[in-house]
C-alpha atoms as a PDB file:
ATOM      1  CA  MET A   1      -6.591 124.044   9.286  1.00  0.00           C
ATOM      2  CA  GLN A   2      -5.441 124.314  13.218  1.00  0.00           C
ATOM      3  CA  LYS A   3      -7.604 127.437  13.419  1.00  0.00           C
ATOM      4  CA  LEU A   4     -10.523 125.008  12.682  1.00  0.00           C
ATOM      5  CA  LEU A   5      -9.671 122.448  14.290  1.00  0.00           C
ATOM      6  CA  ARG A   6      -8.801 124.208  17.852  1.00  0.00           C
ATOM      7  CA  PRO A   7     -12.687 125.476  18.581  1.00  0.00           C
ATOM      8  CA  ALA A   8     -14.252 122.076  17.337  1.00  0.00           C
ATOM      9  CA  LEU A   9     -11.976 120.437  19.999  1.00  0.00           C
ATOM     10  CA  TYR A  10     -13.048 123.064  22.584  1.00  0.00           C
ATOM     11  CA  LEU A  11     -16.548 122.588  21.671  1.00  0.00           C
ATOM     12  CA  LEU A  12     -16.385 118.601  21.641  1.00  0.00           C
ATOM     13  CA  LEU A  13     -14.565 118.850  25.272  1.00  0.00           C
ATOM     14  CA  ILE A  14     -17.170 121.169  26.588  1.00  0.00           C
ATOM     15  CA  VAL A  15     -19.899 118.553  25.313  1.00  0.00           C
ATOM     16  CA  GLY A  16     -18.360 115.915  26.584  1.00  0.00           C
ATOM     17  CA  VAL A  17     -17.740 117.257  30.338  1.00  0.00           C
ATOM     18  CA  LEU A  18     -21.530 118.397  30.167  1.00  0.00           C
ATOM     19  CA  ALA A  19     -22.612 114.809  29.362  1.00  0.00           C
ATOM     20  CA  LEU A  20     -20.537 113.420  31.919  1.00  0.00           C
ATOM     21  CA  LEU A  21     -21.955 115.548  34.815  1.00  0.00           C
ATOM     22  CA  HIS A  22     -25.185 114.891  33.450  1.00  0.00           C
ATOM     23  CA  ALA A  23     -24.560 111.117  33.759  1.00  0.00           C
ATOM     24  CA  MET A  24     -23.401 111.450  37.177  1.00  0.00           C
ATOM     25  CA  GLN A  25     -26.389 113.020  38.906  1.00  0.00           C
ATOM     26  CA  PRO A  26     -28.413 110.754  40.941  1.00  0.00           C
ATOM     27  CA  GLU A  27     -31.829 110.160  39.301  1.00  0.00           C
ATOM     28  CA  ALA A  28     -34.598 110.733  41.672  1.00  0.00           C
ATOM     29  CA  PRO A  29     -36.319 107.597  42.638  1.00  0.00           C
ATOM     30  CA  GLU A  30     -39.469 106.527  40.594  1.00  0.00           C
ATOM     31  CA  PRO A  31     -42.611 106.155  43.487  1.00  0.00           C
ATOM     32  CA  SER A  32     -43.263 102.599  43.036  1.00  0.00           C
ATOM     33  CA  VAL A  33     -46.793 102.050  41.848  1.00  0.00           C
ATOM     34  CA  GLN A  34     -47.630  98.177  42.259  1.00  0.00           C
ATOM     35  CA  ARG A  35     -49.655  96.597  39.525  1.00  0.00           C
ATOM     36  CA  LEU A  36     -52.279  94.093  40.418  1.00  0.00           C
ATOM     37  CA  SER A  37     -54.403  91.802  38.631  1.00  0.00           C
ATOM     38  CA  ALA A  38     -58.082  91.519  38.945  1.00  0.00           C
ATOM     39  CA  THR A  39     -57.241  88.627  40.711  1.00  0.00           C
ATOM     40  CA  ASP A  40     -54.973  89.838  43.075  1.00  0.00           C
ATOM     41  CA  ALA A  41     -56.949  92.664  43.711  1.00  0.00           C
ATOM     42  CA  ARG A  42     -60.194  90.139  44.458  1.00  0.00           C
ATOM     43  CA  MET A  43     -58.100  87.958  46.938  1.00  0.00           C
ATOM     44  CA  LYS A  44     -57.139  91.150  49.028  1.00  0.00           C
ATOM     45  CA  LEU A  45     -60.636  92.004  49.518  1.00  0.00           C
ATOM     46  CA  ALA A  46     -61.884  88.662  50.207  1.00  0.00           C
ATOM     47  CA  GLU A  47     -58.990  87.959  52.454  1.00  0.00           C
ATOM     48  CA  GLY A  48     -60.333  90.908  54.451  1.00  0.00           C
ATOM     49  CA  GLU A  49     -56.939  92.947  53.949  1.00  0.00           C
ATOM     50  CA  ASP A  50     -56.877  96.667  54.650  1.00  0.00           C
ATOM     51  CA  VAL A  51     -57.463  98.027  51.164  1.00  0.00           C
ATOM     52  CA  ILE A  52     -59.860 100.369  49.862  1.00  0.00           C
ATOM     53  CA  VAL A  53     -60.957 100.401  46.221  1.00  0.00           C
ATOM     54  CA  VAL A  54     -61.230 103.961  44.648  1.00  0.00           C
ATOM     55  CA  ASP A  55     -62.781 103.854  41.272  1.00  0.00           C
ATOM     56  CA  VAL A  56     -61.877 106.942  39.297  1.00  0.00           C
ATOM     57  CA  ARG A  57     -64.546 106.431  36.542  1.00  0.00           C
ATOM     58  CA  THR A  58     -67.338 109.065  36.314  1.00  0.00           C
ATOM     59  CA  PRO A  59     -70.623 108.493  37.932  1.00  0.00           C
ATOM     60  CA  GLY A  60     -72.203 107.552  34.817  1.00  0.00           C
ATOM     61  CA  GLU A  61     -69.644 105.140  33.652  1.00  0.00           C
ATOM     62  CA  GLN A  62     -70.166 103.459  37.282  1.00  0.00           C
ATOM     63  CA  ALA A  63     -73.674 103.291  36.631  1.00  0.00           C
ATOM     64  CA  GLY A  64     -73.098 101.780  33.025  1.00  0.00           C
ATOM     65  CA  PRO A  65     -72.727  98.338  31.939  1.00  0.00           C
ATOM     66  CA  HIS A  66     -69.949  97.258  34.072  1.00  0.00           C
ATOM     67  CA  GLY A  67     -70.945  98.195  37.252  1.00  0.00           C
ATOM     68  CA  TYR A  68     -68.649  98.710  40.134  1.00  0.00           C
ATOM     69  CA  ILE A  69     -67.172  97.073  43.019  1.00  0.00           C
ATOM     70  CA  ALA A  70     -68.998  96.738  46.399  1.00  0.00           C
ATOM     71  CA  GLU A  71     -68.042  99.270  48.805  1.00  0.00           C
ATOM     72  CA  SER A  72     -65.642 101.300  46.522  1.00  0.00           C
ATOM     73  CA  VAL A  73     -65.170 104.816  46.883  1.00  0.00           C
ATOM     74  CA  LEU A  74     -66.361 106.879  43.627  1.00  0.00           C
ATOM     75  CA  ILE A  75     -63.968 109.859  43.114  1.00  0.00           C
ATOM     76  CA  PRO A  76     -63.715 110.827  39.432  1.00  0.00           C
ATOM     77  CA  LEU A  77     -60.103 111.216  38.057  1.00  0.00           C
ATOM     78  CA  GLN A  78     -61.104 114.897  37.009  1.00  0.00           C
ATOM     79  CA  GLU A  79     -62.006 115.670  40.465  1.00  0.00           C
ATOM     80  CA  LEU A  80     -59.448 113.665  42.620  1.00  0.00           C
ATOM     81  CA  ARG A  81     -56.909 116.329  43.323  1.00  0.00           C
ATOM     82  CA  SER A  82     -59.679 118.525  44.874  1.00  0.00           C
ATOM     83  CA  ARG A  83     -61.214 115.432  46.812  1.00  0.00           C
ATOM     84  CA  VAL A  84     -57.900 114.066  47.561  1.00  0.00           C
ATOM     85  CA  SER A  85     -58.473 114.979  51.316  1.00  0.00           C
ATOM     86  CA  GLU A  86     -61.711 112.322  51.104  1.00  0.00           C
ATOM     87  CA  LEU A  87     -58.933 109.745  51.196  1.00  0.00           C
ATOM     88  CA  ASP A  88     -56.902 110.981  54.154  1.00  0.00           C
ATOM     89  CA  ALA A  89     -59.013 108.368  56.770  1.00  0.00           C
ATOM     90  CA  TYR A  90     -57.275 105.625  54.514  1.00  0.00           C
ATOM     91  CA  ARG A  91     -53.553 106.578  54.628  1.00  0.00           C
ATOM     92  CA  ASP A  92     -53.016 103.294  56.441  1.00  0.00           C
ATOM     93  CA  HIS A  93     -54.705 101.441  53.823  1.00  0.00           C
ATOM     94  CA  GLU A  94     -53.420 100.187  50.341  1.00  0.00           C
ATOM     95  CA  LEU A  95     -55.566 101.957  47.699  1.00  0.00           C
ATOM     96  CA  ILE A  96     -56.329  99.653  44.520  1.00  0.00           C
ATOM     97  CA  LEU A  97     -57.598 102.184  41.787  1.00  0.00           C
ATOM     98  CA  VAL A  98     -59.878 101.103  39.195  1.00  0.00           C
ATOM     99  CA  CYS A  99     -60.926 102.189  36.138  1.00  0.00           C
ATOM    100  CA  ARG A 100     -62.485 100.947  33.005  1.00  0.00           C
ATOM    101  CA  THR A 101     -58.994  99.625  31.724  1.00  0.00           C
ATOM    102  CA  HIS A 102     -56.111 101.183  34.113  1.00  0.00           C
ATOM    103  CA  ASN A 103     -54.949 104.229  32.042  1.00  0.00           C
ATOM    104  CA  ARG A 104     -56.557 106.358  34.325  1.00  0.00           C
ATOM    105  CA  SER A 105     -55.987 104.567  37.443  1.00  0.00           C
ATOM    106  CA  ALA A 106     -52.255 104.912  36.681  1.00  0.00           C
ATOM    107  CA  GLU A 107     -52.940 108.933  36.482  1.00  0.00           C
ATOM    108  CA  ALA A 108     -54.726 108.638  39.915  1.00  0.00           C
ATOM    109  CA  ALA A 109     -51.881 106.791  41.374  1.00  0.00           C
ATOM    110  CA  GLU A 110     -49.653 109.443  40.701  1.00  0.00           C
ATOM    111  CA  ILE A 111     -51.656 112.145  41.723  1.00  0.00           C
ATOM    112  CA  LEU A 112     -52.225 110.197  45.069  1.00  0.00           C
ATOM    113  CA  ARG A 113     -48.370 109.493  45.362  1.00  0.00           C
ATOM    114  CA  ASN A 114     -47.681 112.976  45.141  1.00  0.00           C
ATOM    115  CA  ALA A 115     -50.222 113.614  47.890  1.00  0.00           C
ATOM    116  CA  GLY A 116     -48.162 111.511  50.155  1.00  0.00           C
ATOM    117  CA  PHE A 117     -50.332 108.523  49.963  1.00  0.00           C
ATOM    118  CA  GLU A 118     -47.423 105.502  50.025  1.00  0.00           C
ATOM    119  CA  ARG A 119     -49.735 102.180  49.375  1.00  0.00           C
ATOM    120  CA  VAL A 120     -51.025 102.787  46.058  1.00  0.00           C
ATOM    121  CA  SER A 121     -51.867 100.003  43.690  1.00  0.00           C
ATOM    122  CA  VAL A 122     -53.563 100.055  40.150  1.00  0.00           C
ATOM    123  CA  MET A 123     -55.639  97.385  39.196  1.00  0.00           C
ATOM    124  CA  HIS A 124     -54.318  96.341  35.616  1.00  0.00           C
ATOM    125  CA  GLY A 125     -57.305  95.735  32.968  1.00  0.00           C
ATOM    126  CA  GLY A 126     -59.586  97.545  35.348  1.00  0.00           C
ATOM    127  CA  MET A 127     -63.356  96.726  35.263  1.00  0.00           C
ATOM    128  CA  LEU A 128     -62.822  94.968  32.242  1.00  0.00           C
ATOM    129  CA  ALA A 129     -60.663  92.557  33.766  1.00  0.00           C
ATOM    130  CA  TRP A 130     -62.980  92.459  36.696  1.00  0.00           C
ATOM    131  CA  ARG A 131     -65.761  91.486  34.766  1.00  0.00           C
ATOM    132  CA  GLU A 132     -64.042  89.172  32.254  1.00  0.00           C
ATOM    133  CA  ALA A 133     -63.043  87.253  35.515  1.00  0.00           C
ATOM    134  CA  GLY A 134     -66.432  86.785  36.642  1.00  0.00           C
ATOM    135  CA  TYR A 135     -66.013  88.801  39.889  1.00  0.00           C
ATOM    136  CA  PRO A 136     -69.346  90.009  41.576  1.00  0.00           C
ATOM    137  CA  VAL A 137     -70.240  93.687  40.633  1.00  0.00           C
ATOM    138  CA  GLU A 138     -72.709  96.335  41.923  1.00  0.00           C
ATOM    139  CA  ALA A 139     -75.236  97.702  39.560  1.00  0.00           C
ATOM    140  CA  ASP A 140     -77.560 100.603  40.193  1.00  0.00           C
ATOM    141  CA  GLU A 141     -81.106 100.071  39.182  1.00  0.00           C
END
Protein backbone atom coordinates (compact mmCIF):
# COMPACT_ATOMS: atom_id res chain seq x y z
CA MET A 1 0.00 0.00 0.00
CA GLN A 2 2.84 2.42 0.82
CA LYS A 3 4.37 1.65 -2.58
CA LEU A 4 1.21 3.02 -4.20
CA LEU A 5 0.88 6.08 -1.97
CA ARG A 6 4.41 7.40 -2.41
CA PRO A 7 4.20 7.94 -6.24
CA ALA A 8 0.71 9.40 -5.89
CA LEU A 9 1.95 11.88 -3.27
CA TYR A 10 4.89 12.88 -5.47
CA LEU A 11 2.58 13.38 -8.41
CA LEU A 12 0.21 15.46 -6.29
CA LEU A 13 3.14 17.55 -5.02
CA ILE A 14 4.42 18.17 -8.57
CA VAL A 15 0.98 19.17 -9.82
CA GLY A 16 0.53 21.51 -6.86
CA VAL A 17 3.90 23.20 -7.42
CA LEU A 18 3.18 23.64 -11.13
CA ALA A 19 -0.24 25.14 -10.39
CA LEU A 20 1.32 27.52 -7.88
CA LEU A 21 4.01 28.61 -10.35
CA HIS A 22 1.39 29.19 -13.03
CA ALA A 23 -0.75 31.26 -10.68
CA MET A 24 2.24 33.42 -9.72
CA GLN A 25 3.03 34.45 -13.30
CA PRO A 26 1.88 37.98 -14.02
CA GLU A 27 -0.74 38.19 -16.72
CA ALA A 28 -0.08 40.45 -19.65
CA PRO A 29 -2.50 43.35 -19.49
CA GLU A 30 -5.13 43.29 -22.19
CA PRO A 31 -5.07 46.35 -24.37
CA SER A 32 -8.16 48.29 -23.54
CA VAL A 33 -10.58 49.04 -26.31
CA GLN A 34 -13.29 51.47 -25.39
CA ARG A 35 -16.86 50.55 -26.26
CA LEU A 36 -18.97 53.50 -27.35
CA SER A 37 -22.69 53.75 -27.87
CA ALA A 38 -23.94 55.32 -31.08
CA THR A 39 -24.90 58.37 -29.00
CA ASP A 40 -21.38 58.70 -27.58
CA ALA A 41 -19.87 58.39 -31.06
CA ARG A 42 -22.29 60.98 -32.43
CA MET A 43 -21.42 63.40 -29.61
CA LYS A 44 -17.69 63.05 -30.26
CA LEU A 45 -18.24 63.74 -33.95
CA ALA A 46 -20.57 66.69 -33.28
CA GLU A 47 -18.17 68.24 -30.79
CA GLY A 48 -15.37 68.15 -33.34
CA GLU A 49 -13.12 65.91 -31.29
CA ASP A 50 -10.11 64.38 -33.03
CA VAL A 51 -11.94 61.25 -34.09
CA ILE A 52 -11.92 59.28 -37.30
CA VAL A 53 -14.66 56.78 -38.10
CA VAL A 54 -13.30 53.66 -39.76
CA ASP A 55 -15.98 51.53 -41.44
CA VAL A 56 -14.80 47.91 -41.63
CA ARG A 57 -17.73 46.61 -43.69
CA THR A 58 -17.47 45.65 -47.33
CA PRO A 59 -18.10 48.23 -50.07
CA GLY A 60 -21.36 46.43 -50.88
CA GLU A 61 -22.56 46.73 -47.29
CA GLN A 62 -21.58 50.39 -47.12
CA ALA A 63 -23.59 51.05 -50.28
CA GLY A 64 -26.51 49.04 -48.87
CA PRO A 65 -29.61 50.03 -46.92
CA HIS A 66 -27.78 51.03 -43.71
CA GLY A 67 -25.69 53.66 -45.48
CA TYR A 68 -22.55 55.03 -43.89
CA ILE A 69 -21.41 57.79 -41.57
CA ALA A 70 -20.29 60.90 -43.44
CA GLU A 71 -16.53 61.23 -43.87
CA SER A 72 -15.88 57.71 -42.60
CA VAL A 73 -12.90 55.84 -43.97
CA LEU A 74 -13.81 52.52 -45.59
CA ILE A 75 -11.30 49.72 -44.99
CA PRO A 76 -12.98 46.30 -44.98
CA LEU A 77 -11.89 44.03 -42.14
CA GLN A 78 -10.49 41.44 -44.54
CA GLU A 79 -8.16 44.12 -46.01
CA LEU A 80 -7.24 45.91 -42.78
CA ARG A 81 -3.93 44.16 -42.07
CA SER A 82 -2.59 45.01 -45.52
CA ARG A 83 -3.98 48.57 -45.48
CA VAL A 84 -3.27 49.60 -41.88
CA SER A 85 -0.61 52.07 -43.07
CA GLU A 86 -3.42 54.15 -44.61
CA LEU A 87 -4.37 55.08 -41.05
CA ASP A 88 -0.87 56.15 -39.96
CA ALA A 89 -1.77 59.83 -40.38
CA TYR A 90 -4.47 59.33 -37.71
CA ARG A 91 -2.31 57.82 -34.94
CA ASP A 92 -2.95 60.87 -32.76
CA HIS A 93 -6.72 60.62 -33.28
CA GLU A 94 -9.25 58.34 -31.68
CA LEU A 95 -10.38 55.73 -34.19
CA ILE A 96 -14.04 54.77 -33.87
CA LEU A 97 -14.59 51.45 -35.61
CA VAL A 98 -17.97 50.63 -37.06
CA CYS A 99 -19.51 47.66 -38.84
CA ARG A 100 -23.09 46.37 -39.05
CA THR A 101 -23.28 45.39 -35.36
CA HIS A 102 -19.90 45.47 -33.58
CA ASN A 103 -18.38 42.03 -34.04
CA ARG A 104 -16.06 42.83 -36.94
CA SER A 105 -15.20 46.15 -35.32
CA ALA A 106 -13.94 44.27 -32.27
CA GLU A 107 -11.70 42.15 -34.52
CA ALA A 108 -10.47 45.29 -36.26
CA ALA A 109 -9.71 46.89 -32.89
CA GLU A 110 -7.43 43.99 -32.01
CA ILE A 111 -5.60 44.35 -35.33
CA LEU A 112 -5.13 48.08 -34.82
CA ARG A 113 -4.02 47.72 -31.19
CA ASN A 114 -1.44 45.15 -32.30
CA ALA A 115 -0.29 47.63 -34.95
CA GLY A 116 0.38 50.22 -32.24
CA PHE A 117 -2.77 52.34 -32.35
CA GLU A 118 -3.58 53.38 -28.80
CA ARG A 119 -6.90 55.23 -29.10
CA VAL A 120 -9.28 52.68 -30.55
CA SER A 121 -13.02 52.49 -29.84
CA VAL A 122 -15.74 50.16 -31.07
CA MET A 123 -19.21 51.55 -31.68
CA HIS A 124 -21.41 49.01 -29.95
CA GLY A 125 -24.40 48.09 -32.07
CA GLY A 126 -22.71 49.40 -35.22
CA MET A 127 -24.72 50.89 -38.05
CA LEU A 128 -27.86 49.18 -36.77
CA ALA A 129 -27.67 51.23 -33.56
CA TRP A 130 -26.71 54.39 -35.49
CA ARG A 131 -29.74 54.06 -37.77
CA GLU A 132 -32.05 53.10 -34.90
CA ALA A 133 -31.03 56.29 -33.10
CA GLY A 134 -32.02 58.28 -36.17
CA TYR A 135 -28.57 59.73 -36.82
CA PRO A 136 -27.74 60.92 -40.34
CA VAL A 137 -26.28 58.56 -42.89
CA GLU A 138 -24.94 58.98 -46.37
CA ALA A 139 -26.10 56.73 -49.16
CA ASP A 140 -24.60 56.11 -52.55
CA GLU A 141 -27.03 56.87 -55.34
